């Protein structure tokens, strides 16, 4: 079953939002040859409302690919880089079929 992985990040300092986004974009490009991802969206909050600063939305063909992504050294390195500048992280996995 295909699934969507959504991550919301709250960043401690607003000036660090762009750093967080850039690290995630670099990871996305580096992972392409290693993990078969269907879609990979990264954005900062462009509105005046919201309790998160950065969103990551990744579509995977199945749970095994999500696990491969989560355990991949490139992903773990970005988590380690972004952890000191983030104050909160929320995530959820939902069936991609909800969007059909």
PDB file of N, CA and C in Angstrom:
ATOM      1  N   UNK A   1       0.844  -1.175   0.000  1.00  0.00           N
ATOM      2  CA  UNK A   1       0.000   0.000   0.000  1.00  0.00           C
ATOM      3  C   UNK A   1       0.892   1.243   0.000  1.00  0.00           C
ATOM      4  N   UNK A   2       0.647   2.151  -0.926  1.00  0.00           N
ATOM      5  CA  UNK A   2       1.377   3.416  -0.983  1.00  0.00           C
ATOM      6  C   UNK A   2       0.961   4.290   0.198  1.00  0.00           C
ATOM      7  N   UNK A   3       1.912   5.070   0.680  1.00  0.00           N
ATOM      8  CA  UNK A   3       1.591   5.919   1.820  1.00  0.00           C
ATOM      9  C   UNK A   3       2.254   7.284   1.727  1.00  0.00           C
ATOM     10  N   UNK A   4       1.681   8.219   2.441  1.00  0.00           N
ATOM     11  CA  UNK A   4       2.191   9.589   2.523  1.00  0.00           C
ATOM     12  C   UNK A   4       2.730   9.810   3.925  1.00  0.00           C
ATOM     13  N   UNK A   5       3.960  10.300   3.984  1.00  0.00           N
ATOM     14  CA  UNK A   5       4.657  10.611   5.230  1.00  0.00           C
ATOM     15  C   UNK A   5       4.707  12.136   5.334  1.00  0.00           C
ATOM     16  N   UNK A   6       4.095  12.682   6.372  1.00  0.00           N
ATOM     17  CA  UNK A   6       4.049  14.137   6.559  1.00  0.00           C
ATOM     18  C   UNK A   6       4.776  14.480   7.847  1.00  0.00           C
ATOM     19  N   UNK A   7       5.708  15.425   7.747  1.00  0.00           N
ATOM     20  CA  UNK A   7       6.466  15.879   8.907  1.00  0.00           C
ATOM     21  C   UNK A   7       6.314  17.390   9.021  1.00  0.00           C
ATOM     22  N   UNK A   8       5.988  17.851  10.220  1.00  0.00           N
ATOM     23  CA  UNK A   8       5.920  19.284  10.518  1.00  0.00           C
ATOM     24  C   UNK A   8       7.022  19.611  11.511  1.00  0.00           C
ATOM     25  N   UNK A   9       7.790  20.657  11.213  1.00  0.00           N
ATOM     26  CA  UNK A   9       8.885  21.063  12.081  1.00  0.00           C
ATOM     27  C   UNK A   9       8.684  22.496  12.555  1.00  0.00           C
ATOM     28  N   UNK A  10       8.933  22.715  13.806  1.00  0.00           N
ATOM     29  CA  UNK A  10       8.970  24.050  14.405  1.00  0.00           C
ATOM     30  C   UNK A  10      10.442  24.362  14.635  1.00  0.00           C
ATOM     31  N   UNK A  11      10.886  25.512  14.142  1.00  0.00           N
ATOM     32  CA  UNK A  11      12.289  25.903  14.235  1.00  0.00           C
ATOM     33  C   UNK A  11      12.440  26.958  15.319  1.00  0.00           C
ATOM     34  N   UNK A  12      13.505  26.849  16.123  1.00  0.00           N
ATOM     35  CA  UNK A  12      13.698  27.745  17.267  1.00  0.00           C
ATOM     36  C   UNK A  12      13.834  29.215  16.842  1.00  0.00           C
ATOM     37  N   UNK A  13      14.654  29.483  15.847  1.00  0.00           N
ATOM     38  CA  UNK A  13      14.879  30.851  15.380  1.00  0.00           C
ATOM     39  C   UNK A  13      14.414  30.967  13.937  1.00  0.00           C
ATOM     40  N   UNK A  14      13.640  31.984  13.650  1.00  0.00           N
ATOM     41  CA  UNK A  14      13.096  32.156  12.301  1.00  0.00           C
ATOM     42  C   UNK A  14      14.190  32.195  11.244  1.00  0.00           C
ATOM     43  N   UNK A  15      15.360  32.742  11.591  1.00  0.00           N
ATOM     44  CA  UNK A  15      16.446  32.813  10.608  1.00  0.00           C
ATOM     45  C   UNK A  15      17.017  31.426  10.269  1.00  0.00           C
ATOM     46  N   UNK A  16      16.697  30.421  11.057  1.00  0.00           N
ATOM     47  CA  UNK A  16      17.168  29.062  10.795  1.00  0.00           C
ATOM     48  C   UNK A  16      16.217  28.265   9.898  1.00  0.00           C
ATOM     49  N   UNK A  17      15.061  28.828   9.580  1.00  0.00           N
ATOM     50  CA  UNK A  17      14.100  28.118   8.719  1.00  0.00           C
ATOM     51  C   UNK A  17      14.740  27.798   7.375  1.00  0.00           C
ATOM     52  N   UNK A  18      15.411  28.777   6.775  1.00  0.00           N
ATOM     53  CA  UNK A  18      16.011  28.555   5.455  1.00  0.00           C
ATOM     54  C   UNK A  18      17.114  27.498   5.520  1.00  0.00           C
ATOM     55  N   UNK A  19      17.848  27.434   6.626  1.00  0.00           N
ATOM     56  CA  UNK A  19      18.881  26.413   6.795  1.00  0.00           C
ATOM     57  C   UNK A  19      18.237  25.028   6.822  1.00  0.00           C
ATOM     58  N   UNK A  20      17.177  24.892   7.575  1.00  0.00           N
ATOM     59  CA  UNK A  20      16.451  23.627   7.675  1.00  0.00           C
ATOM     60  C   UNK A  20      15.932  23.192   6.306  1.00  0.00           C
ATOM     61  N   UNK A  21      15.309  24.111   5.585  1.00  0.00           N
ATOM     62  CA  UNK A  21      14.756  23.807   4.263  1.00  0.00           C
ATOM     63  C   UNK A  21      15.861  23.396   3.298  1.00  0.00           C
ATOM     64  N   UNK A  22      16.972  24.098   3.302  1.00  0.00           N
ATOM     65  CA  UNK A  22      18.080  23.774   2.400  1.00  0.00           C
ATOM     66  C   UNK A  22      18.666  22.402   2.692  1.00  0.00           C
ATOM     67  N   UNK A  23      18.814  22.050   3.954  1.00  0.00           N
ATOM     68  CA  UNK A  23      19.328  20.722   4.312  1.00  0.00           C
ATOM     69  C   UNK A  23      18.383  19.628   3.807  1.00  0.00           C
ATOM     70  N   UNK A  24      17.081  19.855   3.941  1.00  0.00           N
ATOM     71  CA  UNK A  24      16.108  18.880   3.472  1.00  0.00           C
ATOM     72  C   UNK A  24      16.137  18.754   1.949  1.00  0.00           C
ATOM     73  N   UNK A  25      16.305  19.868   1.255  1.00  0.00           N
ATOM     74  CA  UNK A  25      16.380  19.824  -0.214  1.00  0.00           C
ATOM     75  C   UNK A  25      17.629  19.080  -0.681  1.00  0.00           C
ATOM     76  N   UNK A  26      18.746  19.298  -0.007  1.00  0.00           N
ATOM     77  CA  UNK A  26      19.973  18.566  -0.354  1.00  0.00           C
ATOM     78  C   UNK A  26      19.770  17.067  -0.145  1.00  0.00           C
ATOM     79  N   UNK A  27      19.119  16.719   0.960  1.00  0.00           N
ATOM     80  CA  UNK A  27      18.853  15.309   1.236  1.00  0.00           C
ATOM     81  C   UNK A  27      17.976  14.711   0.139  1.00  0.00           C
ATOM     82  N   UNK A  28      16.934  15.443  -0.255  1.00  0.00           N
ATOM     83  CA  UNK A  28      16.029  14.946  -1.297  1.00  0.00           C
ATOM     84  C   UNK A  28      16.811  14.596  -2.563  1.00  0.00           C
ATOM     85  N   UNK A  29      17.697  15.467  -2.985  1.00  0.00           N
ATOM     86  CA  UNK A  29      18.470  15.229  -4.206  1.00  0.00           C
ATOM     87  C   UNK A  29      19.442  14.061  -4.024  1.00  0.00           C
ATOM     88  N   UNK A  30      20.067  13.976  -2.873  1.00  0.00           N
ATOM     89  CA  UNK A  30      21.040  12.910  -2.612  1.00  0.00           C
ATOM     90  C   UNK A  30      20.387  11.541  -2.521  1.00  0.00           C
ATOM     91  N   UNK A  31      19.145  11.499  -2.051  1.00  0.00           N
ATOM     92  CA  UNK A  31      18.450  10.227  -1.872  1.00  0.00           C
ATOM     93  C   UNK A  31      17.886   9.642  -3.168  1.00  0.00           C
ATOM     94  N   UNK A  32      17.696  10.473  -4.180  1.00  0.00           N
ATOM     95  CA  UNK A  32      17.037  10.011  -5.413  1.00  0.00           C
ATOM     96  C   UNK A  32      17.600   8.700  -5.966  1.00  0.00           C
ATOM     97  N   UNK A  33      18.922   8.521  -6.032  1.00  0.00           N
ATOM     98  CA  UNK A  33      19.421   7.256  -6.586  1.00  0.00           C
ATOM     99  C   UNK A  33      19.308   6.064  -5.629  1.00  0.00           C
ATOM    100  N   UNK A  34      18.975   6.311  -4.376  1.00  0.00           N
ATOM    101  CA  UNK A  34      19.016   5.259  -3.361  1.00  0.00           C
ATOM    102  C   UNK A  34      17.652   4.783  -2.865  1.00  0.00           C
ATOM    103  N   UNK A  35      16.658   5.660  -2.904  1.00  0.00           N
ATOM    104  CA  UNK A  35      15.345   5.328  -2.347  1.00  0.00           C
ATOM    105  C   UNK A  35      14.271   5.673  -3.381  1.00  0.00           C
ATOM    106  N   UNK A  36      13.444   4.702  -3.796  1.00  0.00           N
ATOM    107  CA  UNK A  36      12.403   4.966  -4.800  1.00  0.00           C
ATOM    108  C   UNK A  36      11.212   5.736  -4.206  1.00  0.00           C
ATOM    109  N   UNK A  37      11.296   7.038  -4.267  1.00  0.00           N
ATOM    110  CA  UNK A  37      10.268   7.922  -3.709  1.00  0.00           C
ATOM    111  C   UNK A  37       9.349   8.391  -4.839  1.00  0.00           C
ATOM    112  N   UNK A  38       8.051   8.393  -4.583  1.00  0.00           N
ATOM    113  CA  UNK A  38       7.077   8.812  -5.589  1.00  0.00           C
ATOM    114  C   UNK A  38       6.989  10.325  -5.707  1.00  0.00           C
ATOM    115  N   UNK A  39       7.042  11.009  -4.580  1.00  0.00           N
ATOM    116  CA  UNK A  39       6.927  12.467  -4.549  1.00  0.00           C
ATOM    117  C   UNK A  39       7.587  12.961  -3.276  1.00  0.00           C
ATOM    118  N   UNK A  40       8.206  14.158  -3.343  1.00  0.00           N
ATOM    119  CA  UNK A  40       8.945  14.674  -2.193  1.00  0.00           C
ATOM    120  C   UNK A  40       8.831  16.195  -2.205  1.00  0.00           C
ATOM    121  N   UNK A  41       8.014  16.739  -1.306  1.00  0.00           N
ATOM    122  CA  UNK A  41       7.747  18.179  -1.240  1.00  0.00           C
ATOM    123  C   UNK A  41       8.307  18.733   0.058  1.00  0.00           C
ATOM    124  N   UNK A  42       8.986  19.871  -0.045  1.00  0.00           N
ATOM    125  CA  UNK A  42       9.512  20.579   1.119  1.00  0.00           C
ATOM    126  C   UNK A  42       9.100  22.040   0.975  1.00  0.00           C
ATOM    127  N   UNK A  43       8.589  22.623   2.054  1.00  0.00           N
ATOM    128  CA  UNK A  43       8.224  24.038   2.003  1.00  0.00           C
ATOM    129  C   UNK A  43       8.274  24.645   3.392  1.00  0.00           C
ATOM    130  N   UNK A  44       8.565  25.928   3.409  1.00  0.00           N
ATOM    131  CA  UNK A  44       8.408  26.663   4.652  1.00  0.00           C
ATOM    132  C   UNK A  44       7.010  27.255   4.671  1.00  0.00           C
ATOM    133  N   UNK A  45       6.533  27.602   5.833  1.00  0.00           N
ATOM    134  CA  UNK A  45       5.219  28.201   5.980  1.00  0.00           C
ATOM    135  C   UNK A  45       5.250  29.591   5.355  1.00  0.00           C
ATOM    136  N   UNK A  46       4.378  29.859   4.405  1.00  0.00           N
ATOM    137  CA  UNK A  46       4.349  31.175   3.759  1.00  0.00           C
ATOM    138  C   UNK A  46       3.218  32.048   4.297  1.00  0.00           C
ATOM    139  N   UNK A  47       2.433  31.501   5.201  1.00  0.00           N
ATOM    140  CA  UNK A  47       1.309  32.233   5.762  1.00  0.00           C
ATOM    141  C   UNK A  47       1.660  32.916   7.071  1.00  0.00           C
ATOM    142  N   UNK A  48       0.710  33.661   7.566  1.00  0.00           N
ATOM    143  CA  UNK A  48       0.899  34.334   8.852  1.00  0.00           C
ATOM    144  C   UNK A  48       0.369  33.484  10.001  1.00  0.00           C
ATOM    145  N   UNK A  49      -0.363  32.429   9.664  1.00  0.00           N
ATOM    146  CA  UNK A  49      -0.911  31.533  10.671  1.00  0.00           C
ATOM    147  C   UNK A  49      -0.235  30.177  10.567  1.00  0.00           C
ATOM    148  N   UNK A  50      -0.305  29.434  11.610  1.00  0.00           N
ATOM    149  CA  UNK A  50       0.237  28.078  11.609  1.00  0.00           C
ATOM    150  C   UNK A  50       1.181  27.883  12.768  1.00  0.00           C
ATOM    151  N   UNK A  51       1.271  26.661  13.215  1.00  0.00           N
ATOM    152  CA  UNK A  51       2.141  26.369  14.348  1.00  0.00           C
ATOM    153  C   UNK A  51       3.409  25.647  13.921  1.00  0.00           C
ATOM    154  N   UNK A  52       3.617  25.456  12.612  1.00  0.00           N
ATOM    155  CA  UNK A  52       4.829  24.820  12.102  1.00  0.00           C
ATOM    156  C   UNK A  52       5.525  25.775  11.140  1.00  0.00           C
ATOM    157  N   UNK A  53       6.831  25.616  11.033  1.00  0.00           N
ATOM    158  CA  UNK A  53       7.630  26.459  10.141  1.00  0.00           C
ATOM    159  C   UNK A  53       7.978  25.765   8.830  1.00  0.00           C
ATOM    160  N   UNK A  54       8.126  24.436   8.879  1.00  0.00           N
ATOM    161  CA  UNK A  54       8.559  23.666   7.714  1.00  0.00           C
ATOM    162  C   UNK A  54       7.699  22.412   7.598  1.00  0.00           C
ATOM    163  N   UNK A  55       7.350  22.073   6.348  1.00  0.00           N
ATOM    164  CA  UNK A  55       6.620  20.830   6.096  1.00  0.00           C
ATOM    165  C   UNK A  55       7.411  19.985   5.105  1.00  0.00           C
ATOM    166  N   UNK A  56       7.357  18.696   5.339  1.00  0.00           N
ATOM    167  CA  UNK A  56       7.973  17.709   4.467  1.00  0.00           C
ATOM    168  C   UNK A  56       6.880  16.690   4.159  1.00  0.00           C
ATOM    169  N   UNK A  57       6.584  16.504   2.875  1.00  0.00           N
ATOM    170  CA  UNK A  57       5.557  15.544   2.466  1.00  0.00           C
ATOM    171  C   UNK A  57       6.200  14.586   1.469  1.00  0.00           C
ATOM    172  N   UNK A  58       6.274  13.319   1.851  1.00  0.00           N
ATOM    173  CA  UNK A  58       6.937  12.333   1.012  1.00  0.00           C
ATOM    174  C   UNK A  58       5.983  11.167   0.766  1.00  0.00           C
ATOM    175  N   UNK A  59       5.837  10.805  -0.501  1.00  0.00           N
ATOM    176  CA  UNK A  59       5.001   9.668  -0.875  1.00  0.00           C
ATOM    177  C   UNK A  59       5.895   8.474  -1.196  1.00  0.00           C
ATOM    178  N   UNK A  60       5.575   7.351  -0.581  1.00  0.00           N
ATOM    179  CA  UNK A  60       6.339   6.123  -0.765  1.00  0.00           C
ATOM    180  C   UNK A  60       5.443   5.048  -1.374  1.00  0.00           C
ATOM    181  N   UNK A  61       6.016   4.148  -2.171  1.00  0.00           N
ATOM    182  CA  UNK A  61       5.201   3.080  -2.752  1.00  0.00           C
ATOM    183  C   UNK A  61       4.709   2.072  -1.722  1.00  0.00           C
ATOM    184  N   UNK A  62       5.442   1.956  -0.581  1.00  0.00           N
ATOM    185  CA  UNK A  62       5.047   0.990   0.434  1.00  0.00           C
ATOM    186  C   UNK A  62       5.792   1.283   1.741  1.00  0.00           C
ATOM    187  N   UNK A  63       5.409   0.576   2.791  1.00  0.00           N
ATOM    188  CA  UNK A  63       6.008   0.780   4.116  1.00  0.00           C
ATOM    189  C   UNK A  63       7.482   0.380   4.147  1.00  0.00           C
ATOM    190  N   UNK A  64       7.869  -0.596   3.349  1.00  0.00           N
ATOM    191  CA  UNK A  64       9.273  -1.020   3.309  1.00  0.00           C
ATOM    192  C   UNK A  64      10.173   0.100   2.792  1.00  0.00           C
ATOM    193  N   UNK A  65       9.677   0.858   1.826  1.00  0.00           N
ATOM    194  CA  UNK A  65      10.462   1.976   1.287  1.00  0.00           C
ATOM    195  C   UNK A  65      10.548   3.106   2.311  1.00  0.00           C
ATOM    196  N   UNK A  66       9.486   3.347   3.056  1.00  0.00           N
ATOM    197  CA  UNK A  66       9.538   4.332   4.145  1.00  0.00           C
ATOM    198  C   UNK A  66      10.612   3.924   5.151  1.00  0.00           C
ATOM    199  N   UNK A  67      10.643   2.664   5.497  1.00  0.00           N
ATOM    200  CA  UNK A  67      11.648   2.171   6.449  1.00  0.00           C
ATOM    201  C   UNK A  67      13.064   2.354   5.889  1.00  0.00           C
ATOM    202  N   UNK A  68      13.251   2.052   4.623  1.00  0.00           N
ATOM    203  CA  UNK A  68      14.542   2.255   3.963  1.00  0.00           C
ATOM    204  C   UNK A  68      14.965   3.713   4.059  1.00  0.00           C
ATOM    205  N   UNK A  69      14.026   4.619   3.792  1.00  0.00           N
ATOM    206  CA  UNK A  69      14.268   6.069   3.887  1.00  0.00           C
ATOM    207  C   UNK A  69      14.644   6.459   5.322  1.00  0.00           C
ATOM    208  N   UNK A  70      13.865   6.015   6.281  1.00  0.00           N
ATOM    209  CA  UNK A  70      14.096   6.408   7.675  1.00  0.00           C
ATOM    210  C   UNK A  70      15.432   5.921   8.203  1.00  0.00           C
ATOM    211  N   UNK A  71      15.905   4.792   7.714  1.00  0.00           N
ATOM    212  CA  UNK A  71      17.154   4.221   8.198  1.00  0.00           C
ATOM    213  C   UNK A  71      18.365   4.586   7.335  1.00  0.00           C
ATOM    214  N   UNK A  72      18.126   5.286   6.225  1.00  0.00           N
ATOM    215  CA  UNK A  72      19.225   5.609   5.306  1.00  0.00           C
ATOM    216  C   UNK A  72      20.174   6.617   5.947  1.00  0.00           C
ATOM    217  N   UNK A  73      21.487   6.431   5.803  1.00  0.00           N
ATOM    218  CA  UNK A  73      22.459   7.346   6.405  1.00  0.00           C
ATOM    219  C   UNK A  73      22.294   8.811   5.980  1.00  0.00           C
ATOM    220  N   UNK A  74      21.859   9.067   4.761  1.00  0.00           N
ATOM    221  CA  UNK A  74      21.641  10.454   4.326  1.00  0.00           C
ATOM    222  C   UNK A  74      20.504  11.102   5.107  1.00  0.00           C
ATOM    223  N   UNK A  75      19.438  10.337   5.352  1.00  0.00           N
ATOM    224  CA  UNK A  75      18.329  10.844   6.148  1.00  0.00           C
ATOM    225  C   UNK A  75      18.768  11.067   7.595  1.00  0.00           C
ATOM    226  N   UNK A  76      19.461  10.102   8.155  1.00  0.00           N
ATOM    227  CA  UNK A  76      19.910  10.213   9.548  1.00  0.00           C
ATOM    228  C   UNK A  76      20.855  11.403   9.737  1.00  0.00           C
ATOM    229  N   UNK A  77      21.685  11.700   8.747  1.00  0.00           N
ATOM    230  CA  UNK A  77      22.598  12.842   8.835  1.00  0.00           C
ATOM    231  C   UNK A  77      21.841  14.162   8.872  1.00  0.00           C
ATOM    232  N   UNK A  78      20.783  14.281   8.077  1.00  0.00           N
ATOM    233  CA  UNK A  78      19.992  15.517   8.062  1.00  0.00           C
ATOM    234  C   UNK A  78      19.213  15.662   9.366  1.00  0.00           C
ATOM    235  N   UNK A  79      18.691  14.577   9.879  1.00  0.00           N
ATOM    236  CA  UNK A  79      18.010  14.625  11.179  1.00  0.00           C
ATOM    237  C   UNK A  79      18.974  15.140  12.234  1.00  0.00           C
ATOM    238  N   UNK A  80      20.185  14.647  12.218  1.00  0.00           N
ATOM    239  CA  UNK A  80      21.191  15.073  13.194  1.00  0.00           C
ATOM    240  C   UNK A  80      21.533  16.555  13.034  1.00  0.00           C
ATOM    241  N   UNK A  81      21.622  17.043  11.794  1.00  0.00           N
ATOM    242  CA  UNK A  81      21.929  18.457  11.551  1.00  0.00           C
ATOM    243  C   UNK A  81      20.779  19.372  11.977  1.00  0.00           C
ATOM    244  N   UNK A  82      19.545  18.945  11.708  1.00  0.00           N
ATOM    245  CA  UNK A  82      18.393  19.803  11.983  1.00  0.00           C
ATOM    246  C   UNK A  82      17.882  19.725  13.420  1.00  0.00           C
ATOM    247  N   UNK A  83      18.192  18.666  14.130  1.00  0.00           N
ATOM    248  CA  UNK A  83      17.695  18.515  15.501  1.00  0.00           C
ATOM    249  C   UNK A  83      18.059  19.693  16.407  1.00  0.00           C
ATOM    250  N   UNK A  84      19.285  20.207  16.364  1.00  0.00           N
ATOM    251  CA  UNK A  84      19.620  21.323  17.269  1.00  0.00           C
ATOM    252  C   UNK A  84      18.843  22.624  16.989  1.00  0.00           C
ATOM    253  N   UNK A  85      18.335  22.788  15.764  1.00  0.00           N
ATOM    254  CA  UNK A  85      17.633  24.041  15.451  1.00  0.00           C
ATOM    255  C   UNK A  85      16.114  23.896  15.483  1.00  0.00           C
ATOM    256  N   UNK A  86      15.622  22.675  15.691  1.00  0.00           N
ATOM    257  CA  UNK A  86      14.176  22.470  15.763  1.00  0.00           C
ATOM    258  C   UNK A  86      13.733  22.269  17.213  1.00  0.00           C
ATOM    259  N   UNK A  87      12.543  22.780  17.518  1.00  0.00           N
ATOM    260  CA  UNK A  87      12.003  22.646  18.867  1.00  0.00           C
ATOM    261  C   UNK A  87      10.879  21.628  18.950  1.00  0.00           C
ATOM    262  N   UNK A  88      10.314  21.309  17.769  1.00  0.00           N
ATOM    263  CA  UNK A  88       9.200  20.360  17.766  1.00  0.00           C
ATOM    264  C   UNK A  88       9.132  19.664  16.428  1.00  0.00           C
ATOM    265  N   UNK A  89       8.746  18.384  16.464  1.00  0.00           N
ATOM    266  CA  UNK A  89       8.584  17.589  15.254  1.00  0.00           C
ATOM    267  C   UNK A  89       7.337  16.738  15.415  1.00  0.00           C
ATOM    268  N   UNK A  90       6.464  16.819  14.437  1.00  0.00           N
ATOM    269  CA  UNK A  90       5.277  15.967  14.397  1.00  0.00           C
ATOM    270  C   UNK A  90       5.293  15.219  13.079  1.00  0.00           C
ATOM    271  N   UNK A  91       4.854  13.979  13.097  1.00  0.00           N
ATOM    272  CA  UNK A  91       4.783  13.227  11.850  1.00  0.00           C
ATOM    273  C   UNK A  91       3.577  12.304  11.870  1.00  0.00           C
ATOM    274  N   UNK A  92       3.168  11.942  10.652  1.00  0.00           N
ATOM    275  CA  UNK A  92       2.052  11.016  10.484  1.00  0.00           C
ATOM    276  C   UNK A  92       2.236  10.303   9.145  1.00  0.00           C
ATOM    277  N   UNK A  93       1.791   9.065   9.080  1.00  0.00           N
ATOM    278  CA  UNK A  93       1.764   8.296   7.844  1.00  0.00           C
ATOM    279  C   UNK A  93       0.308   7.950   7.561  1.00  0.00           C
ATOM    280  N   UNK A  94      -0.120   8.243   6.344  1.00  0.00           N
ATOM    281  CA  UNK A  94      -1.503   7.963   5.970  1.00  0.00           C
ATOM    282  C   UNK A  94      -1.524   7.276   4.607  1.00  0.00           C
ATOM    283  N   UNK A  95      -2.576   6.512   4.307  1.00  0.00           N
ATOM    284  CA  UNK A  95      -2.661   5.839   3.015  1.00  0.00           C
ATOM    285  C   UNK A  95      -2.765   6.867   1.882  1.00  0.00           C
ATOM    286  N   UNK A  96      -1.985   6.667   0.854  1.00  0.00           N
ATOM    287  CA  UNK A  96      -2.023   7.557  -0.297  1.00  0.00           C
ATOM    288  C   UNK A  96      -3.357   7.433  -1.032  1.00  0.00           C
ATOM    289  N   UNK A  97      -4.042   6.329  -0.866  1.00  0.00           N
ATOM    290  CA  UNK A  97      -5.333   6.110  -1.523  1.00  0.00           C
ATOM    291  C   UNK A  97      -6.393   7.129  -1.087  1.00  0.00           C
ATOM    292  N   UNK A  98      -6.178   7.793   0.052  1.00  0.00           N
ATOM    293  CA  UNK A  98      -7.125   8.821   0.503  1.00  0.00           C
ATOM    294  C   UNK A  98      -7.214   9.982  -0.483  1.00  0.00           C
ATOM    295  N   UNK A  99      -6.200  10.152  -1.334  1.00  0.00           N
ATOM    296  CA  UNK A  99      -6.129  11.292  -2.227  1.00  0.00           C
ATOM    297  C   UNK A  99      -6.582  10.974  -3.656  1.00  0.00           C
ATOM    298  N   UNK A 100      -7.079   9.768  -3.857  1.00  0.00           N
ATOM    299  CA  UNK A 100      -7.531   9.367  -5.198  1.00  0.00           C
ATOM    300  C   UNK A 100      -8.957   9.783  -5.437  1.00  0.00           C
TER     301      UNK A 100
END
